[in-house]
Amino acid sequence: MPNHDLPASVCTCFRVRKLARLMTQRYDRELAAVDINLNQYSILRRASRTPQTVGALAREIGMDRTTLSRDLKPLVATGWIELHSSEDDARQRLIHVTANGKRLLARAQPLWRKAQDHIDASLGRARVDALHAQLDRAMAQLESGAEA
């Protein structure tokens, strides 16, 4: 039960991270039916578009390359992805989603959609659209180093 006697945090990062945790919990509850979490789903979904290097996927997700490499290990162990050396540079590893990984994504997508629909209904579509727009602007500004 929330304590309404405490002042709201003035820390933007705290608020964004708490919101992210609450939303992640919703997605994770749904995705548990296919034994993956939201982070794994996001990695698989983005990697399934086209084979790409670990570094490129890390940049797309906004994740540190080392953290992504660590998060890929269980996906490799389950046979959902494979890592291959790049033809251009043997030091770079390309991420390939396997047929098993694609089947898992097909089973997980409706579960992800259910969580997304719940969040949209809870917050209201207009608020979600406004939140997306604000987050997109904030990410663009912070990534470019621009001043507000």
C-alpha atoms as a PDB file:
ATOM      1  CA  MET A   1       0.000   0.000   0.000  1.00  0.00           C
ATOM      2  CA  PRO A   2       1.530   3.353  -0.982  1.00  0.00           C
ATOM      3  CA  ASN A   3       2.526   5.749   1.767  1.00  0.00           C
ATOM      4  CA  HIS A   4       0.956   9.070   0.807  1.00  0.00           C
ATOM      5  CA  ASP A   5       2.759  10.833   3.684  1.00  0.00           C
ATOM      6  CA  LEU A   6       6.082  10.588   1.855  1.00  0.00           C
ATOM      7  CA  PRO A   7       6.901  13.327  -0.639  1.00  0.00           C
ATOM      8  CA  ALA A   8       7.165  12.287  -4.285  1.00  0.00           C
ATOM      9  CA  SER A   9      10.720  11.811  -5.443  1.00  0.00           C
ATOM     10  CA  VAL A  10      12.215  14.716  -7.360  1.00  0.00           C
ATOM     11  CA  CYS A  11      14.583  12.276  -9.073  1.00  0.00           C
ATOM     12  CA  THR A  12      13.476  11.733 -12.664  1.00  0.00           C
ATOM     13  CA  CYS A  13      15.522   8.548 -12.961  1.00  0.00           C
ATOM     14  CA  PHE A  14      13.810   7.052  -9.890  1.00  0.00           C
ATOM     15  CA  ARG A  15      10.369   7.748 -11.346  1.00  0.00           C
ATOM     16  CA  VAL A  16      11.191   6.395 -14.801  1.00  0.00           C
ATOM     17  CA  ARG A  17      12.833   3.271 -13.367  1.00  0.00           C
ATOM     18  CA  LYS A  18       9.907   2.606 -11.026  1.00  0.00           C
ATOM     19  CA  LEU A  19       7.471   2.952 -13.919  1.00  0.00           C
ATOM     20  CA  ALA A  20       9.658   0.643 -16.000  1.00  0.00           C
ATOM     21  CA  ARG A  21       9.720  -1.948 -13.201  1.00  0.00           C
ATOM     22  CA  LEU A  22       5.926  -1.835 -12.825  1.00  0.00           C
ATOM     23  CA  MET A  23       5.416  -2.260 -16.568  1.00  0.00           C
ATOM     24  CA  THR A  24       8.065  -4.974 -16.815  1.00  0.00           C
ATOM     25  CA  GLN A  25       6.303  -6.931 -14.076  1.00  0.00           C
ATOM     26  CA  ARG A  26       3.086  -6.871 -16.133  1.00  0.00           C
ATOM     27  CA  TYR A  27       4.836  -8.160 -19.266  1.00  0.00           C
ATOM     28  CA  ASP A  28       6.826 -10.749 -17.312  1.00  0.00           C
ATOM     29  CA  ARG A  29       3.641 -12.179 -15.755  1.00  0.00           C
ATOM     30  CA  GLU A  30       2.187 -12.782 -19.205  1.00  0.00           C
ATOM     31  CA  LEU A  31       5.390 -14.028 -20.841  1.00  0.00           C
ATOM     32  CA  ALA A  32       6.028 -16.500 -18.003  1.00  0.00           C
ATOM     33  CA  ALA A  33       3.574 -18.825 -19.780  1.00  0.00           C
ATOM     34  CA  VAL A  34       6.279 -19.457 -22.411  1.00  0.00           C
ATOM     35  CA  ASP A  35       9.206 -19.308 -19.944  1.00  0.00           C
ATOM     36  CA  ILE A  36      10.748 -16.028 -21.042  1.00  0.00           C
ATOM     37  CA  ASN A  37      10.875 -12.532 -19.620  1.00  0.00           C
ATOM     38  CA  LEU A  38      10.424  -9.165 -21.286  1.00  0.00           C
ATOM     39  CA  ASN A  39      14.152  -8.605 -21.711  1.00  0.00           C
ATOM     40  CA  GLN A  40      14.548 -11.935 -23.513  1.00  0.00           C
ATOM     41  CA  TYR A  41      11.471 -11.248 -25.638  1.00  0.00           C
ATOM     42  CA  SER A  42      12.809  -7.822 -26.637  1.00  0.00           C
ATOM     43  CA  ILE A  43      16.187  -9.240 -27.592  1.00  0.00           C
ATOM     44  CA  LEU A  44      14.623 -12.046 -29.640  1.00  0.00           C
ATOM     45  CA  ARG A  45      12.138  -9.744 -31.362  1.00  0.00           C
ATOM     46  CA  ARG A  46      14.718  -7.194 -32.394  1.00  0.00           C
ATOM     47  CA  ALA A  47      17.307  -9.806 -33.380  1.00  0.00           C
ATOM     48  CA  SER A  48      14.750 -11.674 -35.496  1.00  0.00           C
ATOM     49  CA  ARG A  49      14.430  -8.811 -37.991  1.00  0.00           C
ATOM     50  CA  THR A  50      17.824  -9.392 -39.557  1.00  0.00           C
ATOM     51  CA  PRO A  51      21.099 -10.884 -38.377  1.00  0.00           C
ATOM     52  CA  GLN A  52      23.124  -8.146 -36.730  1.00  0.00           C
ATOM     53  CA  THR A  53      26.198  -7.777 -34.585  1.00  0.00           C
ATOM     54  CA  VAL A  54      26.072  -7.812 -30.821  1.00  0.00           C
ATOM     55  CA  GLY A  55      27.259  -4.194 -30.810  1.00  0.00           C
ATOM     56  CA  ALA A  56      24.560  -3.032 -33.238  1.00  0.00           C
ATOM     57  CA  LEU A  57      21.804  -4.742 -31.257  1.00  0.00           C
ATOM     58  CA  ALA A  58      23.164  -3.308 -27.999  1.00  0.00           C
ATOM     59  CA  ARG A  59      22.994   0.207 -29.482  1.00  0.00           C
ATOM     60  CA  GLU A  60      19.445  -0.367 -30.775  1.00  0.00           C
ATOM     61  CA  ILE A  61      18.221  -1.599 -27.395  1.00  0.00           C
ATOM     62  CA  GLY A  62      20.192   1.020 -25.466  1.00  0.00           C
ATOM     63  CA  MET A  63      22.102  -1.616 -23.553  1.00  0.00           C
ATOM     64  CA  ASP A  64      25.777  -1.969 -22.739  1.00  0.00           C
ATOM     65  CA  ARG A  65      27.465  -4.465 -25.093  1.00  0.00           C
ATOM     66  CA  THR A  66      28.857  -6.505 -22.187  1.00  0.00           C
ATOM     67  CA  THR A  67      25.437  -6.732 -20.540  1.00  0.00           C
ATOM     68  CA  LEU A  68      23.852  -7.846 -23.805  1.00  0.00           C
ATOM     69  CA  SER A  69      26.558 -10.495 -24.286  1.00  0.00           C
ATOM     70  CA  ARG A  70      25.769 -11.838 -20.810  1.00  0.00           C
ATOM     71  CA  ASP A  71      21.999 -11.781 -21.537  1.00  0.00           C
ATOM     72  CA  LEU A  72      22.531 -13.691 -24.791  1.00  0.00           C
ATOM     73  CA  LYS A  73      24.089 -16.721 -23.053  1.00  0.00           C
ATOM     74  CA  PRO A  74      20.826 -18.273 -21.806  1.00  0.00           C
ATOM     75  CA  LEU A  75      19.213 -17.627 -25.210  1.00  0.00           C
ATOM     76  CA  VAL A  76      22.063 -19.517 -26.861  1.00  0.00           C
ATOM     77  CA  ALA A  77      21.839 -22.303 -24.256  1.00  0.00           C
ATOM     78  CA  THR A  78      18.124 -22.814 -24.979  1.00  0.00           C
ATOM     79  CA  GLY A  79      18.755 -22.894 -28.727  1.00  0.00           C
ATOM     80  CA  TRP A  80      16.704 -19.774 -29.443  1.00  0.00           C
ATOM     81  CA  ILE A  81      19.624 -17.892 -30.960  1.00  0.00           C
ATOM     82  CA  GLU A  82      23.002 -18.709 -32.456  1.00  0.00           C
ATOM     83  CA  LEU A  83      26.093 -16.535 -32.665  1.00  0.00           C
ATOM     84  CA  HIS A  84      28.199 -16.713 -35.824  1.00  0.00           C
ATOM     85  CA  SER A  85      31.344 -14.893 -36.860  1.00  0.00           C
ATOM     86  CA  SER A  86      30.748 -12.064 -39.284  1.00  0.00           C
ATOM     87  CA  GLU A  87      32.018 -12.579 -42.833  1.00  0.00           C
ATOM     88  CA  ASP A  88      33.358  -9.009 -42.783  1.00  0.00           C
ATOM     89  CA  ASP A  89      35.159  -9.259 -39.436  1.00  0.00           C
ATOM     90  CA  ALA A  90      35.708 -12.578 -37.649  1.00  0.00           C
ATOM     91  CA  ARG A  91      35.962 -10.715 -34.326  1.00  0.00           C
ATOM     92  CA  GLN A  92      32.343  -9.575 -34.622  1.00  0.00           C
ATOM     93  CA  ARG A  93      29.566 -11.986 -33.754  1.00  0.00           C
ATOM     94  CA  LEU A  94      26.274 -11.954 -35.634  1.00  0.00           C
ATOM     95  CA  ILE A  95      23.094 -12.874 -33.780  1.00  0.00           C
ATOM     96  CA  HIS A  96      20.774 -15.263 -35.629  1.00  0.00           C
ATOM     97  CA  VAL A  97      17.368 -16.238 -34.237  1.00  0.00           C
ATOM     98  CA  THR A  98      16.871 -19.969 -34.806  1.00  0.00           C
ATOM     99  CA  ALA A  99      13.713 -21.683 -36.010  1.00  0.00           C
ATOM    100  CA  ASN A 100      13.016 -22.599 -32.366  1.00  0.00           C
ATOM    101  CA  GLY A 101      13.466 -18.954 -31.401  1.00  0.00           C
ATOM    102  CA  LYS A 102      11.043 -17.859 -34.109  1.00  0.00           C
ATOM    103  CA  ARG A 103       8.459 -20.404 -32.931  1.00  0.00           C
ATOM    104  CA  LEU A 104       8.860 -19.116 -29.386  1.00  0.00           C
ATOM    105  CA  LEU A 105       8.347 -15.542 -30.590  1.00  0.00           C
ATOM    106  CA  ALA A 106       5.160 -16.597 -32.373  1.00  0.00           C
ATOM    107  CA  ARG A 107       3.840 -18.075 -29.106  1.00  0.00           C
ATOM    108  CA  ALA A 108       5.032 -15.110 -27.031  1.00  0.00           C
ATOM    109  CA  GLN A 109       3.684 -12.317 -29.232  1.00  0.00           C
ATOM    110  CA  PRO A 110       0.009 -12.704 -28.199  1.00  0.00           C
ATOM    111  CA  LEU A 111       1.099 -12.741 -24.542  1.00  0.00           C
ATOM    112  CA  TRP A 112       3.120  -9.565 -25.065  1.00  0.00           C
ATOM    113  CA  ARG A 113       0.070  -8.045 -26.818  1.00  0.00           C
ATOM    114  CA  LYS A 114      -2.136  -8.947 -23.844  1.00  0.00           C
ATOM    115  CA  ALA A 115       0.213  -7.103 -21.477  1.00  0.00           C
ATOM    116  CA  GLN A 116       0.425  -4.136 -23.862  1.00  0.00           C
ATOM    117  CA  ASP A 117      -3.358  -3.969 -24.161  1.00  0.00           C
ATOM    118  CA  HIS A 118      -3.701  -4.056 -20.372  1.00  0.00           C
ATOM    119  CA  ILE A 119      -1.299  -1.126 -19.989  1.00  0.00           C
ATOM    120  CA  ASP A 120      -3.066   0.805 -22.760  1.00  0.00           C
ATOM    121  CA  ALA A 121      -6.446   0.209 -21.102  1.00  0.00           C
ATOM    122  CA  SER A 122      -5.152   1.068 -17.624  1.00  0.00           C
ATOM    123  CA  LEU A 123      -3.504   4.317 -18.649  1.00  0.00           C
ATOM    124  CA  GLY A 124      -5.742   5.230 -21.565  1.00  0.00           C
ATOM    125  CA  ARG A 125      -4.652   5.307 -25.184  1.00  0.00           C
ATOM    126  CA  ALA A 126      -4.204   9.097 -25.275  1.00  0.00           C
ATOM    127  CA  ARG A 127      -1.955   9.020 -22.202  1.00  0.00           C
ATOM    128  CA  VAL A 128       0.101   6.177 -23.630  1.00  0.00           C
ATOM    129  CA  ASP A 129       0.533   8.069 -26.910  1.00  0.00           C
ATOM    130  CA  ALA A 130       1.556  11.211 -24.993  1.00  0.00           C
ATOM    131  CA  LEU A 131       3.958   9.196 -22.842  1.00  0.00           C
ATOM    132  CA  HIS A 132       5.546   7.629 -25.936  1.00  0.00           C
ATOM    133  CA  ALA A 133       5.971  11.060 -27.535  1.00  0.00           C
ATOM    134  CA  GLN A 134       7.566  12.502 -24.395  1.00  0.00           C
ATOM    135  CA  LEU A 135       9.869   9.527 -23.951  1.00  0.00           C
ATOM    136  CA  ASP A 136      10.903   9.608 -27.624  1.00  0.00           C
ATOM    137  CA  ARG A 137      11.767  13.314 -27.358  1.00  0.00           C
ATOM    138  CA  ALA A 138      13.677  12.792 -24.118  1.00  0.00           C
ATOM    139  CA  MET A 139      15.672   9.860 -25.522  1.00  0.00           C
ATOM    140  CA  ALA A 140      16.515  11.804 -28.685  1.00  0.00           C
ATOM    141  CA  GLN A 141      17.708  14.788 -26.685  1.00  0.00           C
ATOM    142  CA  LEU A 142      19.759  12.733 -24.256  1.00  0.00           C
ATOM    143  CA  GLU A 143      21.280  10.595 -27.020  1.00  0.00           C
ATOM    144  CA  SER A 144      22.298  13.668 -29.003  1.00  0.00           C
ATOM    145  CA  GLY A 145      23.568  15.493 -25.943  1.00  0.00           C
ATOM    146  CA  ALA A 146      21.291  18.448 -26.759  1.00  0.00           C
ATOM    147  CA  GLU A 147      20.262  20.881 -24.087  1.00  0.00           C
ATOM    148  CA  ALA A 148      16.548  21.229 -23.378  1.00  0.00           C
END
